[in-house]
Protein backbone atom coordinates (compact mmCIF):
# COMPACT_ATOMS: atom_id res chain seq x y z
CA MET A 1 248.86 22.70 85.89
CA LEU A 2 249.56 26.41 85.61
CA ARG A 3 248.90 27.01 89.32
CA TRP A 4 251.18 24.10 90.21
CA ALA A 5 253.99 25.54 88.08
CA TYR A 6 253.56 29.00 89.57
CA GLY A 7 253.74 27.46 93.03
CA LEU A 8 257.00 25.70 92.25
CA VAL A 9 258.55 28.89 90.87
CA LEU A 10 257.49 30.72 94.03
CA ALA A 11 258.95 27.92 96.15
CA ALA A 12 262.30 28.17 94.35
CA ALA A 13 262.34 31.93 94.91
CA VAL A 14 261.51 31.42 98.59
CA LEU A 15 264.53 29.11 98.83
CA ILE A 16 266.93 31.46 97.05
CA VAL A 17 266.05 34.68 98.89
CA PRO A 18 266.72 33.39 102.43
CA ALA A 19 270.01 31.91 101.27
CA VAL A 20 271.18 35.38 100.26
CA ALA A 21 269.58 37.09 103.25
CA LEU A 22 271.22 34.73 105.73
CA ALA A 23 274.63 35.33 104.18
CA GLN A 24 275.63 38.05 106.61
CA PRO A 25 279.24 39.07 105.94
CA PRO A 26 281.90 38.55 108.60
CA VAL A 27 283.51 41.40 110.46
CA ALA A 28 285.72 43.63 108.31
CA VAL A 29 289.24 43.63 109.75
CA GLU A 30 290.99 46.98 109.87
CA THR A 31 294.68 47.21 109.14
CA THR A 32 297.30 48.09 111.69
CA PRO A 33 299.29 50.74 109.83
CA GLY A 34 302.99 51.22 109.59
CA GLY A 35 304.25 54.69 109.05
CA SER A 36 306.84 57.35 108.46
CA LEU A 37 310.07 57.64 110.39
CA ARG A 38 310.05 60.38 112.99
CA PRO A 39 312.33 61.65 115.72
CA SER A 40 311.32 60.55 119.20
CA GLY A 41 311.76 64.14 120.39
CA ASP A 42 312.76 67.60 119.16
CA THR A 43 315.55 67.60 116.56
CA THR A 44 317.49 69.75 114.12
CA ILE A 45 317.73 66.90 111.56
CA ALA A 46 315.77 67.45 108.34
CA VAL A 47 314.40 65.02 105.74
CA LEU A 48 315.58 66.04 102.27
CA SER A 49 313.45 63.40 100.51
CA GLU A 50 311.50 60.22 101.12
CA HIS A 51 310.78 57.38 98.69
CA LEU A 52 307.91 55.17 99.79
CA LEU A 53 307.40 51.82 98.06
CA LEU A 54 304.29 49.77 98.72
CA ASP A 55 304.58 46.46 96.90
CA LEU A 56 301.11 44.93 97.30
CA THR A 57 301.46 42.20 94.69
CA GLU A 58 301.17 39.61 97.46
CA ARG A 59 298.61 39.40 100.24
CA GLU A 60 301.28 40.30 102.78
CA GLY A 61 302.43 43.64 101.42
CA ARG A 62 306.09 44.69 101.36
CA ILE A 63 306.58 48.26 102.57
CA LYS A 64 309.91 50.08 102.18
CA ALA A 65 310.52 53.70 103.17
CA THR A 66 313.86 55.28 102.23
CA TYR A 67 314.92 58.65 103.69
CA GLN A 68 317.67 61.11 102.87
CA LEU A 69 318.48 62.73 106.22
CA HIS A 70 320.63 65.85 106.71
CA ASN A 71 322.33 67.35 109.72
CA PRO A 72 322.60 71.08 108.84
CA THR A 73 324.40 71.98 112.07
CA ASP A 74 328.12 72.28 112.82
CA GLY A 75 327.95 69.76 115.65
CA MET A 76 327.50 66.04 116.20
CA VAL A 77 323.91 64.86 116.61
CA ASP A 78 322.92 61.61 118.32
CA LEU A 79 319.34 61.04 117.27
CA SER A 80 316.75 58.64 118.57
CA VAL A 81 314.21 57.78 115.86
CA ALA A 82 310.87 55.97 116.02
CA PHE A 83 309.09 54.03 113.31
CA PRO A 84 305.42 53.00 113.82
CA MET A 85 304.53 49.53 112.57
CA PRO A 86 302.18 46.62 113.31
CA PRO A 87 303.08 44.93 116.60
CA TRP A 88 303.31 41.44 115.08
CA VAL A 89 306.07 42.68 112.74
CA LEU A 90 308.21 43.42 115.78
CA GLY A 91 307.36 40.08 117.33
CA GLU A 92 308.34 38.08 114.25
CA TRP A 93 311.26 40.34 113.28
CA LYS A 94 309.93 40.95 109.79
CA VAL A 95 311.71 44.28 109.67
CA ALA A 96 315.03 45.28 108.07
CA VAL A 97 316.85 48.58 108.59
CA MET A 98 319.59 49.81 106.21
CA LEU A 99 321.89 52.74 106.97
CA ASP A 100 323.97 54.12 104.09
CA GLY A 101 323.42 50.89 102.14
CA LEU A 102 324.53 48.56 104.96
CA ALA A 103 322.38 46.42 107.24
CA TYR A 104 321.85 48.26 110.50
CA PRO A 105 321.05 45.90 113.39
CA VAL A 106 318.40 47.28 115.70
CA ARG A 107 316.68 45.81 118.70
CA SER A 108 312.95 45.75 119.18
CA ALA A 109 312.49 48.56 121.67
CA LEU A 110 309.21 50.13 122.65
CA GLY A 111 309.14 53.46 124.39
CA PRO A 112 307.01 56.56 124.93
CA VAL A 113 306.62 58.69 121.85
CA ALA A 114 304.86 62.04 121.91
CA LEU A 115 301.84 62.11 119.60
CA TYR A 116 299.77 64.98 118.37
CA GLU A 117 296.16 65.12 117.29
CA GLY A 118 295.56 63.61 113.86
CA GLU A 119 298.89 61.80 113.59
CA LEU A 120 297.27 58.36 113.73
CA SER A 121 293.94 59.29 112.15
CA LEU A 122 292.99 57.23 109.08
CA HIS A 123 290.36 57.47 106.39
CA ALA A 124 287.22 56.46 108.32
CA HIS A 125 285.32 54.94 105.38
CA TRP A 126 286.35 52.20 103.04
CA LEU A 127 286.51 52.97 99.32
CA ASP A 128 285.02 50.67 96.71
CA PRO A 129 288.10 49.67 94.65
CA PHE A 130 286.02 49.63 91.43
CA THR A 131 284.19 52.94 91.82
CA GLY A 132 286.11 54.87 94.48
CA ILE A 133 282.83 55.53 96.34
CA ALA A 134 283.11 55.61 100.14
CA TYR A 135 281.11 53.13 102.22
CA TRP A 136 280.93 51.64 105.70
CA PRO A 137 281.32 47.86 106.10
CA PRO A 138 278.41 46.41 108.11
CA LYS A 139 280.73 45.37 110.94
CA VAL A 140 284.22 46.69 111.55
CA ALA A 141 286.76 45.32 114.01
CA GLU A 142 288.60 47.73 116.24
CA PRO A 143 291.98 48.68 114.75
CA VAL A 144 295.11 47.74 116.67
CA THR A 145 297.31 50.63 117.77
CA PRO A 146 300.72 50.49 116.09
CA GLN A 147 303.86 50.10 118.14
CA TYR A 148 307.09 52.02 117.68
CA LEU A 149 310.47 50.58 116.75
CA ILE A 150 312.98 52.90 118.40
CA PHE A 151 316.71 53.01 117.62
CA GLY A 152 319.56 55.49 117.46
CA VAL A 153 321.39 57.14 114.55
CA SER A 154 324.44 59.44 114.82
CA PHE A 155 325.31 62.31 112.46
CA LEU A 156 328.59 64.12 111.87
CA PRO A 157 328.49 67.91 111.31
CA GLY A 158 326.77 68.64 107.97
CA GLN A 159 326.43 64.91 107.20
CA GLN A 160 323.77 63.40 104.96
CA ARG A 161 322.74 59.80 105.59
CA GLN A 162 320.37 57.39 103.84
CA LEU A 163 318.14 55.34 106.12
CA SER A 164 315.59 52.75 104.95
CA VAL A 165 313.09 50.65 106.87
CA GLU A 166 311.44 47.62 105.24
CA TYR A 167 308.72 45.44 106.74
CA ARG A 168 305.70 43.29 105.91
CA GLN A 169 302.09 44.30 106.46
CA PHE A 170 298.91 42.24 106.45
CA PRO A 171 295.88 43.92 104.85
CA GLY A 172 292.52 44.63 106.35
CA GLU A 173 289.80 42.64 104.55
CA ASP A 174 286.11 43.21 103.91
CA TYR A 175 283.89 40.47 102.46
CA SER A 176 280.62 42.41 102.73
CA ARG A 177 280.37 43.49 99.08
CA LEU A 178 282.66 41.48 96.86
CA ILE A 179 283.14 37.75 96.35
CA GLU A 180 286.86 38.06 96.99
CA PRO A 181 287.78 40.32 99.90
CA ALA A 182 288.48 43.99 99.36
CA ARG A 183 291.93 44.64 100.84
CA ARG A 184 292.96 47.74 102.72
CA PHE A 185 296.49 48.97 103.43
CA ASP A 186 297.08 52.04 105.62
CA HIS A 187 300.32 53.97 105.94
CA LEU A 188 300.97 56.85 108.31
CA LEU A 189 302.57 59.88 106.69
CA GLN A 190 301.94 62.54 109.33
CA PRO A 191 304.58 61.41 111.87
CA ALA A 192 307.14 62.93 109.46
CA ARG A 193 305.94 66.41 110.48
CA HIS A 194 308.14 66.13 113.59
CA TRP A 195 311.36 66.62 111.59
CA ALA A 196 313.01 70.03 111.45
CA GLY A 197 312.14 70.10 107.73
CA PHE A 198 310.63 67.83 105.09
CA GLY A 199 311.39 67.96 101.38
CA ASP A 200 310.05 65.79 98.53
CA LEU A 201 307.91 62.69 98.88
CA THR A 202 307.67 60.05 96.13
CA ILE A 203 305.10 57.28 96.49
CA GLU A 204 305.26 54.13 94.37
CA VAL A 205 302.56 51.47 94.58
CA ARG A 206 302.57 48.07 92.86
CA VAL A 207 299.39 45.99 92.73
CA PRO A 208 298.69 42.52 91.28
CA LYS A 209 297.85 42.36 87.59
CA GLY A 210 294.13 42.65 86.96
CA TYR A 211 293.36 44.27 90.33
CA GLN A 212 291.30 47.41 90.85
CA MET A 213 292.61 50.13 93.17
CA ALA A 214 291.22 53.19 94.91
CA THR A 215 293.20 55.59 97.11
CA VAL A 216 292.54 58.68 99.19
CA MET A 217 295.44 60.43 97.42
CA PRO A 218 295.88 60.97 93.68
CA LEU A 219 298.16 58.32 92.15
CA VAL A 220 298.91 58.15 88.43
CA SER A 221 298.97 54.79 86.65
CA GLN A 222 302.34 53.90 85.15
CA GLY A 223 301.05 50.73 83.48
CA ASP A 224 301.53 47.06 84.45
CA GLY A 225 299.91 47.55 87.84
CA SER A 226 302.27 50.35 88.93
CA TYR A 227 301.14 53.73 90.30
CA ALA A 228 303.15 56.75 91.41
CA ALA A 229 302.82 60.24 92.85
CA HIS A 230 305.29 63.00 93.70
CA PHE A 231 304.79 65.71 96.30
CA THR A 232 307.04 68.69 96.90
CA GLU A 233 305.90 68.80 100.52
CA LEU A 234 304.28 66.43 102.97
CA PRO A 235 300.63 66.01 101.92
CA VAL A 236 297.73 66.40 104.32
CA GLY A 237 296.42 63.21 105.90
CA ASN A 238 297.57 59.60 105.89
CA LEU A 239 297.54 57.14 103.01
CA SER A 240 294.88 54.44 102.57
CA ILE A 241 294.83 52.04 99.61
CA PHE A 242 291.96 49.71 98.69
CA LEU A 243 292.35 46.73 96.35
CA ALA A 244 290.02 44.14 94.81
CA PRO A 245 290.55 41.44 92.17
CA GLY A 246 288.75 41.47 88.87
CA PRO A 247 289.43 43.26 85.59
CA GLY A 248 285.85 42.70 84.45
CA PRO A 249 282.65 44.60 85.32
CA ARG A 250 282.03 45.23 89.00
CA TRP A 251 278.68 43.39 89.12
CA TRP A 252 280.48 40.15 88.22
CA TRP A 253 282.49 40.40 91.47
CA ASP A 254 279.62 41.76 93.55
CA ARG A 255 277.89 39.27 95.88
CA THR A 256 274.37 40.45 95.10
CA GLY A 257 275.12 40.98 91.41
CA ARG A 258 276.52 37.46 90.97
CA ALA A 259 273.57 35.90 92.84
CA LEU A 260 271.04 37.75 90.67
CA PHE A 261 272.98 36.78 87.55
CA LEU A 262 272.94 33.11 88.54
CA ALA A 263 269.18 33.21 89.19
CA ALA A 264 268.58 34.92 85.84
CA LEU A 265 270.85 32.40 84.14
CA ALA A 266 268.96 29.47 85.65
CA LEU A 267 265.63 30.97 84.61
CA LEU A 268 266.67 31.93 81.06
CA THR A 269 268.37 28.63 80.31
CA GLY A 270 265.31 26.87 81.65
CA VAL A 271 263.13 28.71 79.14
CA ILE A 272 265.49 27.79 76.29
CA ALA A 273 265.60 24.15 77.39
CA GLY A 274 261.81 24.12 77.69
CA LEU A 275 261.36 25.38 74.14
CA ALA A 276 263.72 22.67 72.94
CA ALA A 277 261.83 20.01 74.90
CA ALA A 278 258.53 21.15 73.39
CA SER A 279 259.83 20.61 69.88
CA ARG A 280 258.67 17.53 68.02
CA ARG A 281 262.05 17.07 66.43
CA ALA A 282 264.02 14.29 68.11
CA LEU A 283 267.34 15.99 67.46
CA VAL A 284 266.22 19.24 69.10
CA THR A 285 264.67 17.39 72.05
CA GLY A 286 267.88 15.43 72.67
CA GLY A 287 269.84 18.66 72.40
CA GLY A 288 267.59 20.16 75.07
CA LEU A 289 268.52 17.40 77.52
CA LEU A 290 272.19 17.92 76.79
CA PHE A 291 271.71 21.65 77.24
CA THR A 292 270.23 21.11 80.70
CA CYS A 293 273.23 18.99 81.69
CA LEU A 294 275.57 21.74 80.51
CA VAL A 295 273.61 24.30 82.52
CA VAL A 296 274.09 22.23 85.69
CA VAL A 297 277.85 22.18 85.07
CA LEU A 298 277.84 25.92 84.29
CA LEU A 299 275.99 26.84 87.48
CA TYR A 300 278.49 24.95 89.60
CA TRP A 301 281.40 26.41 87.64
CA VAL A 302 280.49 30.11 87.86
CA THR A 303 279.24 29.98 91.47
CA PRO A 304 282.16 31.09 93.69
CA PRO A 305 282.66 29.27 96.98
CA HIS A 306 282.62 32.62 98.86
CA LEU A 307 279.34 33.83 97.35
CA LEU A 308 277.42 33.79 100.64
CA ARG A 309 280.11 33.95 103.31
CA THR A 310 283.50 32.46 104.06
CA ASP A 311 282.71 30.28 107.06
CA PRO A 312 281.27 26.72 106.99
CA THR A 313 277.75 28.08 107.45
CA GLY A 314 278.06 29.92 104.16
CA ALA A 315 279.26 26.77 102.41
CA MET A 316 276.30 24.85 103.84
CA PHE A 317 273.80 27.40 102.51
CA LEU A 318 275.58 27.50 99.17
CA TRP A 319 275.74 23.79 98.38
CA LEU A 320 272.64 22.58 100.25
CA LEU A 321 270.24 25.44 99.59
CA PHE A 322 271.34 28.03 97.02
CA ILE A 323 272.67 25.75 94.23
CA PRO A 324 269.75 23.29 94.55
CA SER A 325 267.39 26.27 94.41
CA LEU A 326 269.00 27.44 91.17
CA LEU A 327 268.68 23.96 89.67
CA ALA A 328 265.06 23.79 90.82
CA LEU A 329 264.39 27.18 89.22
CA HIS A 330 265.95 25.96 85.98
CA LEU A 331 263.90 22.73 85.90
CA ILE A 332 260.68 24.47 86.89
CA SER A 333 261.06 27.15 84.21
CA ARG A 334 261.97 24.42 81.74
CA GLY A 335 258.86 22.39 82.53
CA LEU A 336 256.58 25.42 82.58
CA THR A 337 257.91 26.70 79.25
CA ARG A 338 257.50 23.26 77.69
CA TRP A 339 253.92 22.98 78.94
CA LEU A 340 252.99 26.48 77.72
CA ALA A 341 254.61 25.87 74.33
CA GLN A 342 252.76 22.58 73.88
CA ARG A 343 249.45 24.16 74.88
CA LEU A 344 250.02 26.97 72.41
CA THR A 345 250.87 24.47 69.64
CA LEU A 346 247.72 22.43 70.33
CA ARG A 347 245.57 25.55 70.30
CA GLN A 348 247.00 26.61 66.95
CA GLU A 349 246.42 23.12 65.52
CA ARG A 350 242.80 23.16 66.68
CA ARG A 351 242.25 26.50 65.05
CA SER A 352 243.76 25.18 61.83
CA ASP A 353 241.47 22.14 61.92
CA THR A 354 238.45 24.35 62.56
CA HIS A 355 239.23 26.63 59.65
CA GLY A 356 240.07 23.61 57.50
């Protein structure tokens, strides 16, 4: 009997382990960053300040960059400016430009823009949103090169003008570690080095309530999912933000951690149900059966649909292999515990009869 029970436990483990091993994560999709406004060539125009808002409370983030521009010269300046952004934003016209508080109609125009080394470079690693530790996703898709929205702005002598560009940005996503995807948003700051001067930079980030965030630049929490930072000069490097859902402990959102928890839950509840089944009290025995039914419901309830992977293959392994394996582990541990408890009770009774 004992060998048979051990064999069943081993069989359940053999079923569970391949289910997790076969759950190879899909390719992590890199973001196509938007970025800071820059002149398309040499200019005398300076940026007095920039306010950058990244509202990431929805999957499709809303990015708005507002600039205070100044013409310090005594002459008129006709300036051609370029704004890097994801190419699909231009295609779907999800971009709005405001000049001095009024809508400024621009046409989608792509043209040659001089780049310099490091202008488009991003943080190579991903950051774990819970711990801030850098890691490489197992597979990473090639990022798409941003395109430039190019339009003209005129300045009177000594004039200051406010220009804002607002657009939508889809995140990069990585399913390799967490049950829900870790999101990545990249924003280019270094193109702003092409202005004649650059003053203050204020960054404001809004994330969904209950989300964890990690960034490559220091941002201070303002409460209610809002973060901010102020720089008196353009910082070094570009901005990358990493988000993940879950206010609770990281292991609860981790793929491996949740799988191990479910296996331990099935095993532990099986032991408890087995002890109840071994009792000679009818009430306790009936409670044990009810407890097993509740465990079945609990396992289905706390097992996320994206535990293994997001495609139909992952769903097949989850519902046809992993969940049945957990239930088998629960029933096997329940039966084994009941058998061991009954054997121990009989042995104690025999000893009592012998001594009696």
